[in-house]
Amino acid sequence: MAIAVGKTGGSITLVGMKDVPSSMAYDASRLFAKNVANLLELMTKDKKVQPDFEDEVVAGACLTHDGQIRHEPTAEAIAAGAAKKGKK
């Protein structure tokens, strides 16, 4: 399994699997592709990406948007880490 690491213009590092579908069994790859297509359909309106954050699936799949952390467990983990770092 190949891991891809990329840096954005800021201080964010992205780490993930490279070419996820080819590392899966055939049926799992098809199911993954269908799930991604369905998620993109939920987030697209008039051929533009327009996430509806009132939709439970879209809201749960989104980590950040417009510079804000939207995923509550991620926000809590970051806040807890910052609190620990501040106590040192």
C-alpha atoms as a PDB file:
ATOM      1  CA  MET A   1       0.000   0.000   0.000  1.00  0.00           C
ATOM      2  CA  ALA A   2       1.479   3.344  -1.044  1.00  0.00           C
ATOM      3  CA  ILE A   3       1.065   6.352   1.214  1.00  0.00           C
ATOM      4  CA  ALA A   4       0.927   9.845  -0.252  1.00  0.00           C
ATOM      5  CA  VAL A   5       2.084  12.859   1.734  1.00  0.00           C
ATOM      6  CA  GLY A   6       1.429  16.339   0.424  1.00  0.00           C
ATOM      7  CA  LYS A   7       1.812  19.854   1.762  1.00  0.00           C
ATOM      8  CA  THR A   8      -0.570  22.721   1.150  1.00  0.00           C
ATOM      9  CA  GLY A   9       0.434  26.362   0.847  1.00  0.00           C
ATOM     10  CA  GLY A  10      -0.012  26.748   4.604  1.00  0.00           C
ATOM     11  CA  SER A  11       1.098  24.502   7.406  1.00  0.00           C
ATOM     12  CA  ILE A  12      -1.286  21.621   6.665  1.00  0.00           C
ATOM     13  CA  THR A  13       0.097  18.193   5.788  1.00  0.00           C
ATOM     14  CA  LEU A  14      -2.193  15.732   4.020  1.00  0.00           C
ATOM     15  CA  VAL A  15      -1.473  12.034   4.512  1.00  0.00           C
ATOM     16  CA  GLY A  16      -3.466   9.270   2.860  1.00  0.00           C
ATOM     17  CA  MET A  17      -3.426   6.194   0.718  1.00  0.00           C
ATOM     18  CA  LYS A  18      -2.389   6.608  -2.881  1.00  0.00           C
ATOM     19  CA  ASP A  19      -4.886   5.196  -5.421  1.00  0.00           C
ATOM     20  CA  VAL A  20      -7.343   3.769  -2.876  1.00  0.00           C
ATOM     21  CA  PRO A  21      -9.598   1.886  -5.350  1.00  0.00           C
ATOM     22  CA  SER A  22      -6.752  -0.211  -6.802  1.00  0.00           C
ATOM     23  CA  SER A  23      -5.783  -1.400  -3.319  1.00  0.00           C
ATOM     24  CA  MET A  24      -9.251  -2.873  -2.712  1.00  0.00           C
ATOM     25  CA  ALA A  25     -10.940  -6.044  -3.841  1.00  0.00           C
ATOM     26  CA  TYR A  26     -13.059  -5.609  -7.001  1.00  0.00           C
ATOM     27  CA  ASP A  27     -16.449  -5.478  -5.238  1.00  0.00           C
ATOM     28  CA  ALA A  28     -15.136  -3.193  -2.497  1.00  0.00           C
ATOM     29  CA  SER A  29     -13.700  -0.870  -5.147  1.00  0.00           C
ATOM     30  CA  ARG A  30     -17.059  -0.687  -6.937  1.00  0.00           C
ATOM     31  CA  LEU A  31     -18.879  -0.018  -3.663  1.00  0.00           C
ATOM     32  CA  PHE A  32     -16.346   2.689  -2.733  1.00  0.00           C
ATOM     33  CA  ALA A  33     -16.784   4.342  -6.149  1.00  0.00           C
ATOM     34  CA  LYS A  34     -20.574   4.259  -5.784  1.00  0.00           C
ATOM     35  CA  ASN A  35     -20.361   5.792  -2.303  1.00  0.00           C
ATOM     36  CA  VAL A  36     -18.072   8.587  -3.518  1.00  0.00           C
ATOM     37  CA  ALA A  37     -20.378   9.279  -6.480  1.00  0.00           C
ATOM     38  CA  ASN A  38     -23.424   9.417  -4.187  1.00  0.00           C
ATOM     39  CA  LEU A  39     -21.641  11.763  -1.769  1.00  0.00           C
ATOM     40  CA  LEU A  40     -20.622  14.073  -4.612  1.00  0.00           C
ATOM     41  CA  GLU A  41     -24.196  14.046  -5.905  1.00  0.00           C
ATOM     42  CA  LEU A  42     -25.409  15.137  -2.458  1.00  0.00           C
ATOM     43  CA  MET A  43     -22.936  18.024  -2.468  1.00  0.00           C
ATOM     44  CA  THR A  44     -23.601  19.199  -6.035  1.00  0.00           C
ATOM     45  CA  LYS A  45     -26.329  21.529  -7.238  1.00  0.00           C
ATOM     46  CA  ASP A  46     -26.513  22.897 -10.786  1.00  0.00           C
ATOM     47  CA  LYS A  47     -23.120  21.306 -11.568  1.00  0.00           C
ATOM     48  CA  LYS A  48     -21.437  23.255  -8.745  1.00  0.00           C
ATOM     49  CA  VAL A  49     -20.213  21.968  -5.403  1.00  0.00           C
ATOM     50  CA  GLN A  50     -22.606  23.468  -2.856  1.00  0.00           C
ATOM     51  CA  PRO A  51     -22.536  21.388   0.326  1.00  0.00           C
ATOM     52  CA  ASP A  52     -25.760  21.414   2.335  1.00  0.00           C
ATOM     53  CA  PHE A  53     -24.472  21.212   5.901  1.00  0.00           C
ATOM     54  CA  GLU A  54     -28.011  20.527   7.126  1.00  0.00           C
ATOM     55  CA  ASP A  55     -27.678  17.099   5.466  1.00  0.00           C
ATOM     56  CA  GLU A  56     -26.398  14.647   8.092  1.00  0.00           C
ATOM     57  CA  VAL A  57     -24.197  12.736   5.633  1.00  0.00           C
ATOM     58  CA  VAL A  58     -22.594  15.859   4.156  1.00  0.00           C
ATOM     59  CA  ALA A  59     -22.065  17.414   7.590  1.00  0.00           C
ATOM     60  CA  GLY A  60     -20.488  14.204   8.904  1.00  0.00           C
ATOM     61  CA  ALA A  61     -18.126  13.898   5.941  1.00  0.00           C
ATOM     62  CA  CYS A  62     -16.843  17.481   6.067  1.00  0.00           C
ATOM     63  CA  LEU A  63     -13.865  18.233   8.312  1.00  0.00           C
ATOM     64  CA  THR A  64     -13.342  21.902   7.448  1.00  0.00           C
ATOM     65  CA  HIS A  65     -15.056  24.607   5.406  1.00  0.00           C
ATOM     66  CA  ASP A  66     -14.173  28.289   4.928  1.00  0.00           C
ATOM     67  CA  GLY A  67     -11.336  28.035   7.461  1.00  0.00           C
ATOM     68  CA  GLN A  68     -13.569  26.580  10.185  1.00  0.00           C
ATOM     69  CA  ILE A  69     -13.478  23.075  11.660  1.00  0.00           C
ATOM     70  CA  ARG A  70     -16.991  21.712  11.055  1.00  0.00           C
ATOM     71  CA  HIS A  71     -16.469  18.135  12.270  1.00  0.00           C
ATOM     72  CA  GLU A  72     -17.185  18.197  16.013  1.00  0.00           C
ATOM     73  CA  PRO A  73     -14.992  15.211  17.052  1.00  0.00           C
ATOM     74  CA  THR A  74     -12.058  16.753  15.155  1.00  0.00           C
ATOM     75  CA  ALA A  75     -12.639  20.155  16.774  1.00  0.00           C
ATOM     76  CA  GLU A  76     -12.769  18.520  20.221  1.00  0.00           C
ATOM     77  CA  ALA A  77      -9.556  16.554  19.596  1.00  0.00           C
ATOM     78  CA  ILE A  78      -7.721  19.685  18.441  1.00  0.00           C
ATOM     79  CA  ALA A  79      -9.003  21.694  21.418  1.00  0.00           C
ATOM     80  CA  ALA A  80      -7.930  18.933  23.823  1.00  0.00           C
ATOM     81  CA  GLY A  81      -4.480  18.809  22.224  1.00  0.00           C
ATOM     82  CA  ALA A  82      -4.147  22.594  22.431  1.00  0.00           C
ATOM     83  CA  ALA A  83      -5.208  22.543  26.095  1.00  0.00           C
ATOM     84  CA  LYS A  84      -2.573  19.895  26.908  1.00  0.00           C
ATOM     85  CA  LYS A  85       0.070  21.861  25.034  1.00  0.00           C
ATOM     86  CA  GLY A  86      -0.883  25.036  26.911  1.00  0.00           C
ATOM     87  CA  LYS A  87      -0.439  23.317  30.307  1.00  0.00           C
ATOM     88  CA  LYS A  88       3.234  22.522  29.659  1.00  0.00           C
END
